[in-house]
């Protein structure tokens, strides 16, 4: 579902609300929620240090979308997202220009594990989060209580 510049995907007890370009922008109500907890409060893709300009989003199923953007005149960025037991993003970067190009890709991610009520009220609690990367993806874990 695309509404007001945001895209919402859902599957079972999980839903994800993101900006039209696919980023989950921190500091608001966007995020990946599973069982009333925001398990992803930031997911930002940077290409050569900038967020791609959003060109469009297509929701193909309630739990799948493709986001299309660009960086400059020659770099096209596609993000294929699926929400199911978690969130899976496949990022495809294409050089559509005539000259060879090299880009640096950075992904910023954070979790705050706030409840849906805390997020709606604009006061997510502060928790300590540990992160790691394994062959299956990014792992964000709440530490302590």
Protein backbone atom coordinates (compact mmCIF):
# COMPACT_ATOMS: atom_id res chain seq x y z
CA UNK A 1 0.00 0.00 0.00
CA UNK A 2 1.40 3.43 -0.99
CA UNK A 3 -0.02 6.42 0.88
CA UNK A 4 1.23 9.98 1.34
CA UNK A 5 4.82 9.27 0.36
CA UNK A 6 5.09 6.12 2.46
CA UNK A 7 4.89 2.44 1.57
CA UNK A 8 3.45 -0.10 4.01
CA UNK A 9 3.96 -3.84 3.56
CA UNK A 10 2.60 -6.57 5.82
CA UNK A 11 2.64 -10.31 6.36
CA UNK A 12 1.12 -12.03 9.39
CA UNK A 13 2.28 -10.32 12.60
CA UNK A 14 4.87 -8.16 10.79
CA UNK A 15 4.53 -4.88 8.94
CA UNK A 16 6.96 -2.33 7.58
CA UNK A 17 6.35 1.35 6.87
CA UNK A 18 9.04 3.17 4.87
CA UNK A 19 9.58 6.29 2.79
CA UNK A 20 8.74 6.20 -0.91
CA UNK A 21 12.41 5.50 -1.73
CA UNK A 22 12.56 2.47 0.58
CA UNK A 23 14.46 4.03 3.48
CA UNK A 24 13.20 3.64 7.03
CA UNK A 25 13.96 7.13 8.26
CA UNK A 26 14.81 7.42 11.98
CA UNK A 27 13.02 9.74 14.37
CA UNK A 28 9.44 9.10 13.25
CA UNK A 29 6.90 6.32 13.07
CA UNK A 30 8.51 4.34 10.25
CA UNK A 31 9.98 0.92 10.92
CA UNK A 32 9.69 -2.83 10.78
CA UNK A 33 7.30 -4.01 13.48
CA UNK A 34 6.98 -7.63 14.59
CA UNK A 35 4.60 -8.65 17.38
CA UNK A 36 4.15 -5.03 18.60
CA UNK A 37 7.88 -4.25 18.72
CA UNK A 38 9.79 -2.04 16.28
CA UNK A 39 12.70 -4.31 15.45
CA UNK A 40 14.10 -1.94 12.81
CA UNK A 41 13.89 1.82 13.42
CA UNK A 42 16.38 2.87 10.74
CA UNK A 43 17.38 1.40 7.39
CA UNK A 44 19.07 3.93 5.12
CA UNK A 45 20.89 3.17 1.87
CA UNK A 46 23.66 5.54 0.78
CA UNK A 47 25.36 5.41 -2.60
CA UNK A 48 28.50 7.53 -2.79
CA UNK A 49 27.45 9.12 0.51
CA UNK A 50 23.96 10.24 -0.59
CA UNK A 51 20.47 8.79 -0.43
CA UNK A 52 19.22 7.91 -3.92
CA UNK A 53 16.53 10.21 -5.29
CA UNK A 54 13.25 8.29 -5.16
CA UNK A 55 11.65 7.83 -8.59
CA UNK A 56 8.86 5.42 -7.73
CA UNK A 57 7.62 2.43 -5.80
CA UNK A 58 5.54 -0.52 -6.95
CA UNK A 59 3.79 -2.81 -4.49
CA UNK A 60 3.38 -6.22 -6.16
CA UNK A 61 1.83 -8.06 -3.18
CA UNK A 62 0.87 -6.90 0.32
CA UNK A 63 4.32 -8.05 1.49
CA UNK A 64 6.50 -7.13 -1.53
CA UNK A 65 7.59 -3.90 -3.18
CA UNK A 66 10.20 -2.57 -5.57
CA UNK A 67 11.66 0.89 -5.00
CA UNK A 68 13.45 2.67 -7.85
CA UNK A 69 15.82 5.60 -7.47
CA UNK A 70 18.82 7.27 -8.99
CA UNK A 71 22.08 8.90 -8.03
CA UNK A 72 23.15 11.56 -10.50
CA UNK A 73 22.40 10.93 -14.15
CA UNK A 74 23.97 7.51 -14.59
CA UNK A 75 23.39 5.35 -11.48
CA UNK A 76 20.05 3.53 -11.15
CA UNK A 77 19.15 1.88 -7.84
CA UNK A 78 16.51 -0.83 -7.34
CA UNK A 79 15.49 -2.19 -3.95
CA UNK A 80 13.39 -5.36 -3.96
CA UNK A 81 11.81 -5.76 -0.52
CA UNK A 82 9.96 -8.69 1.03
CA UNK A 83 8.40 -8.68 4.51
CA UNK A 84 7.73 -12.12 5.97
CA UNK A 85 9.48 -13.55 9.05
CA UNK A 86 11.60 -10.39 8.92
CA UNK A 87 12.67 -8.04 6.16
CA UNK A 88 14.77 -8.91 3.14
CA UNK A 89 16.12 -6.25 0.78
CA UNK A 90 17.91 -7.05 -2.45
CA UNK A 91 19.73 -3.98 -3.79
CA UNK A 92 20.63 -3.75 -7.47
CA UNK A 93 22.82 -0.89 -8.68
CA UNK A 94 23.20 -0.28 -12.40
CA UNK A 95 25.40 2.10 -14.33
CA UNK A 96 23.21 3.34 -17.19
CA UNK A 97 25.82 5.81 -18.41
CA UNK A 98 28.40 5.37 -21.11
CA UNK A 99 31.44 5.83 -18.83
CA UNK A 100 32.65 3.28 -16.29
CA UNK A 101 31.62 4.12 -12.75
CA UNK A 102 32.54 2.90 -9.30
CA UNK A 103 30.34 3.56 -6.29
CA UNK A 104 30.58 3.12 -2.54
CA UNK A 105 27.51 1.53 -0.95
CA UNK A 106 26.66 1.98 2.73
CA UNK A 107 23.70 0.67 4.71
CA UNK A 108 22.80 2.20 8.07
CA UNK A 109 20.54 0.18 10.35
CA UNK A 110 19.34 0.57 13.91
CA UNK A 111 16.73 -0.95 16.21
CA UNK A 112 15.04 0.57 19.24
CA UNK A 113 12.61 -2.29 20.08
CA UNK A 114 9.94 0.27 21.00
CA UNK A 115 6.34 -0.84 21.33
CA UNK A 116 3.80 0.39 18.81
CA UNK A 117 2.19 2.53 21.54
CA UNK A 118 5.54 4.18 22.39
CA UNK A 119 6.20 4.94 18.71
CA UNK A 120 2.72 6.42 18.17
CA UNK A 121 3.16 8.59 21.26
CA UNK A 122 6.53 9.82 19.96
CA UNK A 123 8.52 8.52 22.91
CA UNK A 124 10.33 5.27 22.17
CA UNK A 125 12.34 4.06 25.13
CA UNK A 126 16.13 3.96 25.08
CA UNK A 127 17.56 0.45 25.00
CA UNK A 128 21.00 -0.97 24.41
CA UNK A 129 21.25 -2.82 21.11
CA UNK A 130 24.04 -5.05 19.87
CA UNK A 131 24.52 -5.69 16.16
CA UNK A 132 26.35 -8.16 13.99
CA UNK A 133 26.52 -9.48 10.46
CA UNK A 134 26.45 -13.14 9.53
CA UNK A 135 26.06 -14.98 6.19
CA UNK A 136 22.25 -14.73 6.50
CA UNK A 137 22.12 -10.98 7.14
CA UNK A 138 22.11 -8.37 9.86
CA UNK A 139 21.35 -9.37 13.43
CA UNK A 140 20.10 -6.72 15.89
CA UNK A 141 19.61 -7.85 19.49
CA UNK A 142 18.17 -6.05 22.51
CA UNK A 143 20.56 -6.29 25.43
CA UNK A 144 19.35 -6.46 28.99
CA UNK A 145 15.72 -5.88 30.16
